Amino acid sequence: MSDRRLGPEATGCYRRAVYHTCRFAVFVQRLLVDIGEPFITYKLGFSHLLTLLAEPKRTDKQPQRGSSFKLTKMARGLKKHLKRLNAPKHWMLDKLGGAFAPKPSSGPHKSRECLPLILVLRNRLKYALTYREVIAILMQRHVLVDGKVRTDKTYPAGFMDVVSIPKTNENFRLLYDTKGRFRLHSLRDEEAKFKLCKVRSVQFGQKGIPYINTYDGRTIRYPDPLIKANDTIKLDLEENKITDFIKFDVGNIVMVTGGRNRGRVGIIKNREKHKGSFETIHIQDALGHEFATRLGNVFTIGKGSKPWVSLPKGKGIKLSIIEEARKRQAAQAAA
């Protein structure tokens, strides 16, 4: 009898035949167990079952040549490859550029929320044309992320990270635009000396030593007692010390780092607490548009309406399709 799966096209007679066949197979298996004969439980059809019952018992555990089943070897470790179609959309990789995309290394940011250094140098800054040229640049220790030399071509740079190239005297901060894509925002030397970090949790270690965990995997001991979860700290990259912090309060300016509103900037208007569920934050941008998102998607970037970091083009204000069209028409008319 055929070993195909039951589908909607199967007739009633075929279904009944398979049903009785399966019942008979279970009966034979229970019978063999009762009389003391071991029975290998594989997902086999009735024809394979009769073949196994007719054959003599084998002492070795290797399957016979030509059998319909085979022992598979399980995978070991992490996946080392990433198909281009499965890469995050905000990387903006063309589908015809190859079969694979760079697999981000383990690091301070999630693989779906980062931008590998190879894409920064090759696809965004255009300092390299090929994969090997990126390796040559990195191995000469020309690229720094948050003040530290990085030679890993797939190192995951993420939101608020400062990418510096001393050879060209350039500094960039990774920020989001209003369409949720990474933007390399050019910085001055003064602004490149610090970064903002969101506090994930405040805990106590051995001997009651307090420490905080940040969104980029940092652990900082002896923080200010007023710093709580969801607050933002201003971190000096040279000394690795907290110089100031921002409370997560109503009235402060924030940037959305996740969800459909990623990249939008606005001021917190209301905070809804739902027990047993996600907290909702209501935000209003500079044009008066209001939107809401989850608490985990909100990153405080300044006190009041003044941000502590410079923002990319557009200032985090998302325009509708009609507003974008009118803006283009006005620019063309002015030209």
C-alpha atoms as a PDB file:
ATOM      1  CA  MET A   1       0.000   0.000   0.000  1.00  0.00           C
ATOM      2  CA  SER A   2       1.188   3.483  -0.768  1.00  0.00           C
ATOM      3  CA  ASP A   3       2.929   5.483   1.966  1.00  0.00           C
ATOM      4  CA  ARG A   4       1.753   8.923   0.804  1.00  0.00           C
ATOM      5  CA  ARG A   5       0.214  11.408   3.217  1.00  0.00           C
ATOM      6  CA  LEU A   6      -3.504  11.859   3.580  1.00  0.00           C
ATOM      7  CA  GLY A   7      -4.778  14.953   1.845  1.00  0.00           C
ATOM      8  CA  PRO A   8      -8.078  16.553   0.922  1.00  0.00           C
ATOM      9  CA  GLU A   9      -8.057  14.630  -2.386  1.00  0.00           C
ATOM     10  CA  ALA A  10      -8.010  11.227  -0.674  1.00  0.00           C
ATOM     11  CA  THR A  11     -11.188   9.188  -1.092  1.00  0.00           C
ATOM     12  CA  GLY A  12     -13.196   7.655   1.723  1.00  0.00           C
ATOM     13  CA  CYS A  13     -12.143   4.099   0.834  1.00  0.00           C
ATOM     14  CA  TYR A  14      -8.472   5.053   0.852  1.00  0.00           C
ATOM     15  CA  ARG A  15      -8.848   6.785   4.229  1.00  0.00           C
ATOM     16  CA  ARG A  16     -10.525   3.735   5.771  1.00  0.00           C
ATOM     17  CA  ALA A  17      -7.852   1.438   4.353  1.00  0.00           C
ATOM     18  CA  VAL A  18      -5.039   3.525   5.808  1.00  0.00           C
ATOM     19  CA  TYR A  19      -6.863   3.764   9.135  1.00  0.00           C
ATOM     20  CA  HIS A  20      -7.199  -0.017   9.480  1.00  0.00           C
ATOM     21  CA  THR A  21      -3.597  -0.477   8.304  1.00  0.00           C
ATOM     22  CA  CYS A  22      -2.312   1.824  11.041  1.00  0.00           C
ATOM     23  CA  ARG A  23      -4.403   0.015  13.655  1.00  0.00           C
ATOM     24  CA  PHE A  24      -2.932  -3.301  12.518  1.00  0.00           C
ATOM     25  CA  ALA A  25       0.599  -1.869  12.712  1.00  0.00           C
ATOM     26  CA  VAL A  26       0.011  -0.712  16.289  1.00  0.00           C
ATOM     27  CA  PHE A  27      -1.382  -4.142  17.161  1.00  0.00           C
ATOM     28  CA  VAL A  28       1.690  -5.918  15.743  1.00  0.00           C
ATOM     29  CA  GLN A  29       4.031  -3.565  17.586  1.00  0.00           C
ATOM     30  CA  ARG A  30       2.266  -4.155  20.914  1.00  0.00           C
ATOM     31  CA  LEU A  31       2.328  -7.886  20.258  1.00  0.00           C
ATOM     32  CA  LEU A  32       6.090  -7.857  19.672  1.00  0.00           C
ATOM     33  CA  VAL A  33       6.613  -5.849  22.849  1.00  0.00           C
ATOM     34  CA  ASP A  34       4.508  -8.315  24.853  1.00  0.00           C
ATOM     35  CA  ILE A  35       6.499 -11.327  23.642  1.00  0.00           C
ATOM     36  CA  GLY A  36       9.797  -9.585  24.379  1.00  0.00           C
ATOM     37  CA  GLU A  37      10.936  -8.716  20.863  1.00  0.00           C
ATOM     38  CA  PRO A  38      12.256  -5.136  20.507  1.00  0.00           C
ATOM     39  CA  PHE A  39      10.758  -3.075  17.731  1.00  0.00           C
ATOM     40  CA  ILE A  40      12.374   0.014  16.223  1.00  0.00           C
ATOM     41  CA  THR A  41       9.795   2.798  16.088  1.00  0.00           C
ATOM     42  CA  TYR A  42      10.421   4.743  12.894  1.00  0.00           C
ATOM     43  CA  LYS A  43       7.871   6.621  10.841  1.00  0.00           C
ATOM     44  CA  LEU A  44       7.424   3.823   8.303  1.00  0.00           C
ATOM     45  CA  GLY A  45       4.612   2.747   6.041  1.00  0.00           C
ATOM     46  CA  PHE A  46       2.885  -0.614   6.189  1.00  0.00           C
ATOM     47  CA  SER A  47       5.000  -2.041   3.349  1.00  0.00           C
ATOM     48  CA  HIS A  48       8.213  -1.249   5.264  1.00  0.00           C
ATOM     49  CA  LEU A  49       6.665  -2.815   8.377  1.00  0.00           C
ATOM     50  CA  LEU A  50       6.044  -6.115   6.601  1.00  0.00           C
ATOM     51  CA  THR A  51       9.590  -6.011   5.204  1.00  0.00           C
ATOM     52  CA  LEU A  52      11.076  -5.592   8.681  1.00  0.00           C
ATOM     53  CA  LEU A  53       8.938  -8.390  10.120  1.00  0.00           C
ATOM     54  CA  ALA A  54       9.974 -10.772   7.348  1.00  0.00           C
ATOM     55  CA  GLU A  55      13.717 -10.070   7.719  1.00  0.00           C
ATOM     56  CA  PRO A  56      15.879 -11.719  10.409  1.00  0.00           C
ATOM     57  CA  LYS A  57      16.914  -9.643  13.386  1.00  0.00           C
ATOM     58  CA  ARG A  58      20.121  -7.644  12.785  1.00  0.00           C
ATOM     59  CA  THR A  59      22.741  -7.305  15.497  1.00  0.00           C
ATOM     60  CA  ASP A  60      24.250  -4.037  14.251  1.00  0.00           C
ATOM     61  CA  LYS A  61      22.414  -0.720  14.425  1.00  0.00           C
ATOM     62  CA  GLN A  62      23.367   0.505  10.952  1.00  0.00           C
ATOM     63  CA  PRO A  63      20.469   0.672   8.464  1.00  0.00           C
ATOM     64  CA  GLN A  64      20.604  -1.576   5.412  1.00  0.00           C
ATOM     65  CA  ARG A  65      21.738  -0.187   2.096  1.00  0.00           C
ATOM     66  CA  GLY A  66      18.804   0.909   0.019  1.00  0.00           C
ATOM     67  CA  SER A  67      16.434   1.371   2.953  1.00  0.00           C
ATOM     68  CA  SER A  68      14.036   4.309   2.897  1.00  0.00           C
ATOM     69  CA  PHE A  69      15.332   5.800   6.141  1.00  0.00           C
ATOM     70  CA  LYS A  70      18.793   6.879   7.236  1.00  0.00           C
ATOM     71  CA  LEU A  71      20.374   8.177  10.395  1.00  0.00           C
ATOM     72  CA  THR A  72      20.955  11.938  10.203  1.00  0.00           C
ATOM     73  CA  LYS A  73      23.714  13.833  11.966  1.00  0.00           C
ATOM     74  CA  MET A  74      22.520  16.747  14.068  1.00  0.00           C
ATOM     75  CA  ALA A  75      23.918  20.236  13.572  1.00  0.00           C
ATOM     76  CA  ARG A  76      26.602  21.575  15.864  1.00  0.00           C
ATOM     77  CA  GLY A  77      26.941  25.220  16.845  1.00  0.00           C
ATOM     78  CA  LEU A  78      25.523  28.392  15.340  1.00  0.00           C
ATOM     79  CA  LYS A  79      24.661  29.005  11.723  1.00  0.00           C
ATOM     80  CA  LYS A  80      27.616  30.552   9.930  1.00  0.00           C
ATOM     81  CA  HIS A  81      25.809  31.722   6.801  1.00  0.00           C
ATOM     82  CA  LEU A  82      22.982  34.102   5.984  1.00  0.00           C
ATOM     83  CA  LYS A  83      21.045  34.114   2.731  1.00  0.00           C
ATOM     84  CA  ARG A  84      20.558  37.529   1.206  1.00  0.00           C
ATOM     85  CA  LEU A  85      16.792  37.196   1.042  1.00  0.00           C
ATOM     86  CA  ASN A  86      16.711  36.561   4.797  1.00  0.00           C
ATOM     87  CA  ALA A  87      18.836  39.615   5.634  1.00  0.00           C
ATOM     88  CA  PRO A  88      17.134  42.589   7.345  1.00  0.00           C
ATOM     89  CA  LYS A  89      15.467  44.974   4.927  1.00  0.00           C
ATOM     90  CA  HIS A  90      17.081  48.041   6.477  1.00  0.00           C
ATOM     91  CA  TRP A  91      20.457  46.773   5.191  1.00  0.00           C
ATOM     92  CA  MET A  92      19.140  47.654   1.703  1.00  0.00           C
ATOM     93  CA  LEU A  93      20.904  44.817  -0.133  1.00  0.00           C
ATOM     94  CA  ASP A  94      19.839  44.198  -3.729  1.00  0.00           C
ATOM     95  CA  LYS A  95      18.543  40.721  -4.490  1.00  0.00           C
ATOM     96  CA  LEU A  96      20.769  40.264  -7.536  1.00  0.00           C
ATOM     97  CA  GLY A  97      23.993  41.172  -5.726  1.00  0.00           C
ATOM     98  CA  GLY A  98      24.701  37.594  -4.694  1.00  0.00           C
ATOM     99  CA  ALA A  99      23.230  34.638  -2.866  1.00  0.00           C
ATOM    100  CA  PHE A 100      24.608  35.392   0.595  1.00  0.00           C
ATOM    101  CA  ALA A 101      24.814  38.315   3.010  1.00  0.00           C
ATOM    102  CA  PRO A 102      27.334  38.892   5.827  1.00  0.00           C
ATOM    103  CA  LYS A 103      26.355  37.005   8.983  1.00  0.00           C
ATOM    104  CA  PRO A 104      26.828  39.352  11.966  1.00  0.00           C
ATOM    105  CA  SER A 105      29.169  38.154  14.680  1.00  0.00           C
ATOM    106  CA  SER A 106      28.126  37.843  18.292  1.00  0.00           C
ATOM    107  CA  GLY A 107      28.339  41.256  19.876  1.00  0.00           C
ATOM    108  CA  PRO A 108      26.560  44.042  21.725  1.00  0.00           C
ATOM    109  CA  HIS A 109      23.591  44.245  19.332  1.00  0.00           C
ATOM    110  CA  LYS A 110      21.107  41.745  17.946  1.00  0.00           C
ATOM    111  CA  SER A 111      21.723  40.413  14.458  1.00  0.00           C
ATOM    112  CA  ARG A 112      18.455  41.929  13.182  1.00  0.00           C
ATOM    113  CA  GLU A 113      19.181  45.312  14.801  1.00  0.00           C
ATOM    114  CA  CYS A 114      22.762  45.954  13.692  1.00  0.00           C
ATOM    115  CA  LEU A 115      24.835  46.902  10.667  1.00  0.00           C
ATOM    116  CA  PRO A 116      28.030  44.852  10.097  1.00  0.00           C
ATOM    117  CA  LEU A 117      31.206  46.824   9.461  1.00  0.00           C
ATOM    118  CA  ILE A 118      31.558  45.316   6.000  1.00  0.00           C
ATOM    119  CA  LEU A 119      28.313  47.026   4.975  1.00  0.00           C
ATOM    120  CA  VAL A 120      29.438  50.289   6.566  1.00  0.00           C
ATOM    121  CA  LEU A 121      32.674  50.420   4.563  1.00  0.00           C
ATOM    122  CA  ARG A 122      31.547  48.820   1.309  1.00  0.00           C
ATOM    123  CA  ASN A 123      27.882  49.711   0.853  1.00  0.00           C
ATOM    124  CA  ARG A 124      27.503  52.999   2.747  1.00  0.00           C
ATOM    125  CA  LEU A 125      30.832  54.857   2.793  1.00  0.00           C
ATOM    126  CA  LYS A 126      32.074  53.309  -0.495  1.00  0.00           C
ATOM    127  CA  TYR A 127      35.622  53.037   0.855  1.00  0.00           C
ATOM    128  CA  ALA A 128      35.884  49.482  -0.493  1.00  0.00           C
ATOM    129  CA  LEU A 129      34.595  47.746  -3.577  1.00  0.00           C
ATOM    130  CA  THR A 130      35.072  44.122  -2.589  1.00  0.00           C
ATOM    131  CA  TYR A 131      35.086  41.854   0.427  1.00  0.00           C
ATOM    132  CA  ARG A 132      38.888  41.597   0.429  1.00  0.00           C
ATOM    133  CA  GLU A 133      39.353  45.352   0.387  1.00  0.00           C
ATOM    134  CA  VAL A 134      37.228  45.627   3.537  1.00  0.00           C
ATOM    135  CA  ILE A 135      39.443  43.057   5.265  1.00  0.00           C
ATOM    136  CA  ALA A 136      42.561  44.977   4.208  1.00  0.00           C
ATOM    137  CA  ILE A 137      41.192  48.218   5.682  1.00  0.00           C
ATOM    138  CA  LEU A 138      40.143  46.617   8.963  1.00  0.00           C
ATOM    139  CA  MET A 139      43.368  44.678   9.470  1.00  0.00           C
ATOM    140  CA  GLN A 140      45.315  47.936   9.242  1.00  0.00           C
ATOM    141  CA  ARG A 141      43.343  49.036  12.331  1.00  0.00           C
ATOM    142  CA  HIS A 142      41.825  52.087  10.665  1.00  0.00           C
ATOM    143  CA  VAL A 143      38.257  51.665  11.994  1.00  0.00           C
ATOM    144  CA  LEU A 144      37.154  52.322  15.575  1.00  0.00           C
ATOM    145  CA  VAL A 145      33.736  51.638  17.095  1.00  0.00           C
ATOM    146  CA  ASP A 146      33.036  53.480  20.351  1.00  0.00           C
ATOM    147  CA  GLY A 147      36.728  54.322  20.654  1.00  0.00           C
ATOM    148  CA  LYS A 148      37.999  50.735  20.268  1.00  0.00           C
ATOM    149  CA  VAL A 149      39.728  49.260  17.230  1.00  0.00           C
ATOM    150  CA  ARG A 150      37.616  46.594  15.542  1.00  0.00           C
ATOM    151  CA  THR A 151      39.123  44.191  13.015  1.00  0.00           C
ATOM    152  CA  ASP A 152      36.162  41.825  12.670  1.00  0.00           C
ATOM    153  CA  LYS A 153      34.554  42.393   9.273  1.00  0.00           C
ATOM    154  CA  THR A 154      31.134  41.324  10.562  1.00  0.00           C
ATOM    155  CA  TYR A 155      31.288  43.171  13.886  1.00  0.00           C
ATOM    156  CA  PRO A 156      27.716  44.325  14.694  1.00  0.00           C
ATOM    157  CA  ALA A 157      27.578  48.105  14.984  1.00  0.00           C
ATOM    158  CA  GLY A 158      24.205  49.305  16.225  1.00  0.00           C
ATOM    159  CA  PHE A 159      22.061  52.247  17.217  1.00  0.00           C
ATOM    160  CA  MET A 160      23.980  55.179  18.791  1.00  0.00           C
ATOM    161  CA  ASP A 161      27.379  53.576  18.103  1.00  0.00           C
ATOM    162  CA  VAL A 162      30.154  55.963  17.039  1.00  0.00           C
ATOM    163  CA  VAL A 163      32.200  54.772  14.039  1.00  0.00           C
ATOM    164  CA  SER A 164      35.489  56.666  13.704  1.00  0.00           C
ATOM    165  CA  ILE A 165      38.110  56.626  10.944  1.00  0.00           C
ATOM    166  CA  PRO A 166      41.131  58.648  12.178  1.00  0.00           C
ATOM    167  CA  LYS A 167      42.917  58.368   8.817  1.00  0.00           C
ATOM    168  CA  THR A 168      40.260  60.509   7.139  1.00  0.00           C
ATOM    169  CA  ASN A 169      39.345  62.450  10.310  1.00  0.00           C
ATOM    170  CA  GLU A 170      35.709  61.348  10.074  1.00  0.00           C
ATOM    171  CA  ASN A 171      33.201  60.345  12.750  1.00  0.00           C
ATOM    172  CA  PHE A 172      29.747  58.883  12.248  1.00  0.00           C
ATOM    173  CA  ARG A 173      26.890  57.945  14.542  1.00  0.00           C
ATOM    174  CA  LEU A 174      24.464  55.196  13.585  1.00  0.00           C
ATOM    175  CA  LEU A 175      20.909  56.529  13.775  1.00  0.00           C
ATOM    176  CA  TYR A 176      17.588  55.639  12.180  1.00  0.00           C
ATOM    177  CA  ASP A 177      15.745  57.636   9.556  1.00  0.00           C
ATOM    178  CA  THR A 178      11.952  57.893   9.567  1.00  0.00           C
ATOM    179  CA  LYS A 179      11.675  54.803   7.352  1.00  0.00           C
ATOM    180  CA  GLY A 180      13.498  52.614   9.854  1.00  0.00           C
ATOM    181  CA  ARG A 181      16.817  52.418   7.987  1.00  0.00           C
ATOM    182  CA  PHE A 182      20.279  53.016   9.409  1.00  0.00           C
ATOM    183  CA  ARG A 183      21.882  56.357   8.615  1.00  0.00           C
ATOM    184  CA  LEU A 184      25.551  57.240   9.127  1.00  0.00           C
ATOM    185  CA  HIS A 185      25.199  60.719  10.596  1.00  0.00           C
ATOM    186  CA  SER A 186      28.403  62.766  10.392  1.00  0.00           C
ATOM    187  CA  LEU A 187      29.681  64.150  13.720  1.00  0.00           C
ATOM    188  CA  ARG A 188      32.092  66.739  14.999  1.00  0.00           C
ATOM    189  CA  ASP A 189      35.008  65.688  17.168  1.00  0.00           C
ATOM    190  CA  GLU A 190      33.357  66.979  20.348  1.00  0.00           C
ATOM    191  CA  GLU A 191      30.195  64.940  19.826  1.00  0.00           C
ATOM    192  CA  ALA A 192      32.135  61.798  18.910  1.00  0.00           C
ATOM    193  CA  LYS A 193      33.595  61.585  22.425  1.00  0.00           C
ATOM    194  CA  PHE A 194      30.358  60.372  24.035  1.00  0.00           C
ATOM    195  CA  LYS A 195      27.326  58.215  23.356  1.00  0.00           C
ATOM    196  CA  LEU A 196      23.914  57.719  24.927  1.00  0.00           C
ATOM    197  CA  CYS A 197      23.047  54.336  26.438  1.00  0.00           C
ATOM    198  CA  LYS A 198      19.646  53.124  27.559  1.00  0.00           C
ATOM    199  CA  VAL A 199      19.585  51.382  30.945  1.00  0.00           C
ATOM    200  CA  ARG A 200      18.067  47.908  30.789  1.00  0.00           C
ATOM    201  CA  SER A 201      18.191  47.031  34.481  1.00  0.00           C
ATOM    202  CA  VAL A 202      19.678  48.015  37.829  1.00  0.00           C
ATOM    203  CA  GLN A 203      20.991  45.134  39.941  1.00  0.00           C
ATOM    204  CA  PHE A 204      23.209  44.353  42.903  1.00  0.00           C
ATOM    205  CA  GLY A 205      26.225  42.066  42.705  1.00  0.00           C
ATOM    206  CA  GLN A 206      28.421  40.459  45.330  1.00  0.00           C
ATOM    207  CA  LYS A 207      28.775  42.361  48.603  1.00  0.00           C
ATOM    208  CA  GLY A 208      25.863  44.569  47.572  1.00  0.00           C
ATOM    209  CA  ILE A 209      27.737  46.395  44.811  1.00  0.00           C
ATOM    210  CA  PRO A 210      25.180  48.131  42.536  1.00  0.00           C
ATOM    211  CA  TYR A 211      25.594  48.037  38.768  1.00  0.00           C
ATOM    212  CA  ILE A 212      23.553  48.775  35.671  1.00  0.00           C
ATOM    213  CA  ASN A 213      23.153  46.902  32.390  1.00  0.00           C
ATOM    214  CA  THR A 214      22.818  48.951  29.207  1.00  0.00           C
ATOM    215  CA  TYR A 215      21.242  48.182  25.858  1.00  0.00           C
ATOM    216  CA  ASP A 216      24.653  47.541  24.247  1.00  0.00           C
ATOM    217  CA  GLY A 217      25.819  44.953  26.768  1.00  0.00           C
ATOM    218  CA  ARG A 218      27.809  47.222  29.077  1.00  0.00           C
ATOM    219  CA  THR A 219      28.026  46.660  32.824  1.00  0.00           C
ATOM    220  CA  ILE A 220      28.841  49.785  34.838  1.00  0.00           C
ATOM    221  CA  ARG A 221      29.362  49.591  38.587  1.00  0.00           C
ATOM    222  CA  TYR A 222      28.526  52.215  41.205  1.00  0.00           C
ATOM    223  CA  PRO A 223      26.055  54.291  39.159  1.00  0.00           C
ATOM    224  CA  ASP A 224      24.125  57.265  40.496  1.00  0.00           C
ATOM    225  CA  PRO A 225      21.390  55.993  42.872  1.00  0.00           C
ATOM    226  CA  LEU A 226      18.802  58.024  40.946  1.00  0.00           C
ATOM    227  CA  ILE A 227      19.399  56.055  37.724  1.00  0.00           C
ATOM    228  CA  LYS A 228      16.632  53.526  37.110  1.00  0.00           C
ATOM    229  CA  ALA A 229      15.587  51.181  34.312  1.00  0.00           C
ATOM    230  CA  ASN A 230      14.627  52.841  30.982  1.00  0.00           C
ATOM    231  CA  ASP A 231      16.665  55.967  31.830  1.00  0.00           C
ATOM    232  CA  THR A 232      19.440  57.128  29.508  1.00  0.00           C
ATOM    233  CA  ILE A 233      23.046  57.740  30.543  1.00  0.00           C
ATOM    234  CA  LYS A 234      25.656  59.895  28.834  1.00  0.00           C
ATOM    235  CA  LEU A 235      28.824  57.803  28.624  1.00  0.00           C
ATOM    236  CA  ASP A 236      32.309  59.212  28.085  1.00  0.00           C
ATOM    237  CA  LEU A 237      33.938  56.827  25.597  1.00  0.00           C
ATOM    238  CA  GLU A 238      37.510  57.719  26.570  1.00  0.00           C
ATOM    239  CA  GLU A 239      37.161  57.235  30.332  1.00  0.00           C
ATOM    240  CA  ASN A 240      34.170  54.863  30.196  1.00  0.00           C
ATOM    241  CA  LYS A 241      32.400  56.842  32.910  1.00  0.00           C
ATOM    242  CA  ILE A 242      28.901  58.234  33.312  1.00  0.00           C
ATOM    243  CA  THR A 243      28.920  62.023  33.008  1.00  0.00           C
ATOM    244  CA  ASP A 244      25.159  62.677  33.091  1.00  0.00           C
ATOM    245  CA  PHE A 245      21.817  60.922  32.782  1.00  0.00           C
ATOM    246  CA  ILE A 246      18.249  61.561  31.594  1.00  0.00           C
ATOM    247  CA  LYS A 247      15.178  60.347  33.446  1.00  0.00           C
ATOM    248  CA  PHE A 248      12.457  58.579  31.495  1.00  0.00           C
ATOM    249  CA  ASP A 249       9.752  61.131  32.251  1.00  0.00           C
ATOM    250  CA  VAL A 250       6.836  62.768  30.488  1.00  0.00           C
ATOM    251  CA  GLY A 251       7.965  65.848  28.565  1.00  0.00           C
ATOM    252  CA  ASN A 252      11.380  64.559  27.443  1.00  0.00           C
ATOM    253  CA  ILE A 253      12.319  64.068  23.809  1.00  0.00           C
ATOM    254  CA  VAL A 254      12.704  60.469  22.614  1.00  0.00           C
ATOM    255  CA  MET A 255      13.488  58.468  19.487  1.00  0.00           C
ATOM    256  CA  VAL A 256      11.645  55.272  18.580  1.00  0.00           C
ATOM    257  CA  THR A 257      14.025  52.365  17.930  1.00  0.00           C
ATOM    258  CA  GLY A 258      11.577  49.606  17.034  1.00  0.00           C
ATOM    259  CA  GLY A 259       8.229  48.892  15.439  1.00  0.00           C
ATOM    260  CA  ARG A 260       6.476  50.675  12.595  1.00  0.00           C
ATOM    261  CA  ASN A 261       7.444  54.123  13.946  1.00  0.00           C
ATOM    262  CA  ARG A 262      11.176  53.415  14.082  1.00  0.00           C
ATOM    263  CA  GLY A 263      13.223  56.560  13.571  1.00  0.00           C
ATOM    264  CA  ARG A 264      10.521  59.030  14.597  1.00  0.00           C
ATOM    265  CA  VAL A 265      11.355  61.689  17.174  1.00  0.00           C
ATOM    266  CA  GLY A 266       8.895  63.293  19.547  1.00  0.00           C
ATOM    267  CA  ILE A 267       8.038  64.231  23.114  1.00  0.00           C
ATOM    268  CA  ILE A 268       6.435  61.855  25.607  1.00  0.00           C
ATOM    269  CA  LYS A 269       2.859  62.926  26.311  1.00  0.00           C
ATOM    270  CA  ASN A 270       1.481  60.016  28.293  1.00  0.00           C
ATOM    271  CA  ARG A 271       2.533  56.674  29.740  1.00  0.00           C
ATOM    272  CA  GLU A 272      -0.065  53.918  30.060  1.00  0.00           C
ATOM    273  CA  LYS A 273       0.664  51.062  32.426  1.00  0.00           C
ATOM    274  CA  HIS A 274      -1.041  47.728  31.824  1.00  0.00           C
ATOM    275  CA  LYS A 275      -0.533  45.041  34.438  1.00  0.00           C
ATOM    276  CA  GLY A 276       0.603  41.789  32.907  1.00  0.00           C
ATOM    277  CA  SER A 277       1.136  43.372  29.489  1.00  0.00           C
ATOM    278  CA  PHE A 278       3.241  45.944  27.663  1.00  0.00           C
ATOM    279  CA  GLU A 279       3.323  49.567  28.728  1.00  0.00           C
ATOM    280  CA  THR A 280       2.238  52.010  26.044  1.00  0.00           C
ATOM    281  CA  ILE A 281       3.961  55.351  25.428  1.00  0.00           C
ATOM    282  CA  HIS A 282       2.116  58.150  23.601  1.00  0.00           C
ATOM    283  CA  ILE A 283       4.416  60.499  21.664  1.00  0.00           C
ATOM    284  CA  GLN A 284       3.852  63.760  19.768  1.00  0.00           C
ATOM    285  CA  ASP A 285       6.284  64.972  17.101  1.00  0.00           C
ATOM    286  CA  ALA A 286       7.152  68.548  16.127  1.00  0.00           C
ATOM    287  CA  LEU A 287       4.282  68.759  13.604  1.00  0.00           C
ATOM    288  CA  GLY A 288       1.684  67.707  16.157  1.00  0.00           C
ATOM    289  CA  HIS A 289       1.238  64.148  14.887  1.00  0.00           C
ATOM    290  CA  GLU A 290       0.595  61.713  17.724  1.00  0.00           C
ATOM    291  CA  PHE A 291       1.424  58.014  17.754  1.00  0.00           C
ATOM    292  CA  ALA A 292       1.926  55.269  20.316  1.00  0.00           C
ATOM    293  CA  THR A 293       4.432  52.469  20.762  1.00  0.00           C
ATOM    294  CA  ARG A 294       5.691  50.047  23.377  1.00  0.00           C
ATOM    295  CA  LEU A 295       7.946  51.069  26.214  1.00  0.00           C
ATOM    296  CA  GLY A 296      10.796  48.873  24.978  1.00  0.00           C
ATOM    297  CA  ASN A 297      10.903  50.747  21.661  1.00  0.00           C
ATOM    298  CA  VAL A 298      11.484  54.197  23.199  1.00  0.00           C
ATOM    299  CA  PHE A 299      14.959  55.707  23.680  1.00  0.00           C
ATOM    300  CA  THR A 300      15.287  59.025  25.545  1.00  0.00           C
ATOM    301  CA  ILE A 301      17.725  61.349  23.760  1.00  0.00           C
ATOM    302  CA  GLY A 302      17.384  64.623  25.664  1.00  0.00           C
ATOM    303  CA  LYS A 303      15.781  66.687  28.389  1.00  0.00           C
ATOM    304  CA  GLY A 304      12.730  68.682  27.420  1.00  0.00           C
ATOM    305  CA  SER A 305      12.557  69.352  23.701  1.00  0.00           C
ATOM    306  CA  LYS A 306      16.325  69.679  23.170  1.00  0.00           C
ATOM    307  CA  PRO A 307      18.192  66.502  22.114  1.00  0.00           C
ATOM    308  CA  TRP A 308      21.702  65.816  23.389  1.00  0.00           C
ATOM    309  CA  VAL A 309      22.812  64.409  20.030  1.00  0.00           C
ATOM    310  CA  SER A 310      22.471  65.908  16.576  1.00  0.00           C
ATOM    311  CA  LEU A 311      19.778  64.323  14.425  1.00  0.00           C
ATOM    312  CA  PRO A 312      19.990  63.314  10.751  1.00  0.00           C
ATOM    313  CA  LYS A 313      18.168  65.026   7.910  1.00  0.00           C
ATOM    314  CA  GLY A 314      14.462  65.327   8.587  1.00  0.00           C
ATOM    315  CA  LYS A 315      14.895  65.607  12.369  1.00  0.00           C
ATOM    316  CA  GLY A 316      12.845  62.459  12.915  1.00  0.00           C
ATOM    317  CA  ILE A 317       9.633  63.921  11.458  1.00  0.00           C
ATOM    318  CA  LYS A 318       7.769  61.398   9.324  1.00  0.00           C
ATOM    319  CA  LEU A 319       5.769  62.846   6.434  1.00  0.00           C
ATOM    320  CA  SER A 320       2.831  61.240   4.696  1.00  0.00           C
ATOM    321  CA  ILE A 321       2.931  60.420   0.992  1.00  0.00           C
ATOM    322  CA  ILE A 322       0.967  63.571   0.141  1.00  0.00           C
ATOM    323  CA  GLU A 323       3.219  65.753   2.293  1.00  0.00           C
ATOM    324  CA  GLU A 324       6.329  64.294   0.638  1.00  0.00           C
ATOM    325  CA  ALA A 325       4.879  64.976  -2.818  1.00  0.00           C
ATOM    326  CA  ARG A 326       4.077  68.581  -1.915  1.00  0.00           C
ATOM    327  CA  LYS A 327       7.566  69.043  -0.513  1.00  0.00           C
ATOM    328  CA  ARG A 328       9.123  67.799  -3.764  1.00  0.00           C
ATOM    329  CA  GLN A 329       6.886  70.065  -5.839  1.00  0.00           C
ATOM    330  CA  ALA A 330       7.842  73.062  -3.724  1.00  0.00           C
ATOM    331  CA  ALA A 331      11.531  72.238  -4.127  1.00  0.00           C
ATOM    332  CA  GLN A 332      11.153  71.928  -7.903  1.00  0.00           C
ATOM    333  CA  ALA A 333       9.243  75.199  -8.105  1.00  0.00           C
ATOM    334  CA  ALA A 334      11.907  76.977  -6.072  1.00  0.00           C
ATOM    335  CA  ALA A 335      14.646  75.617  -8.330  1.00  0.00           C
END
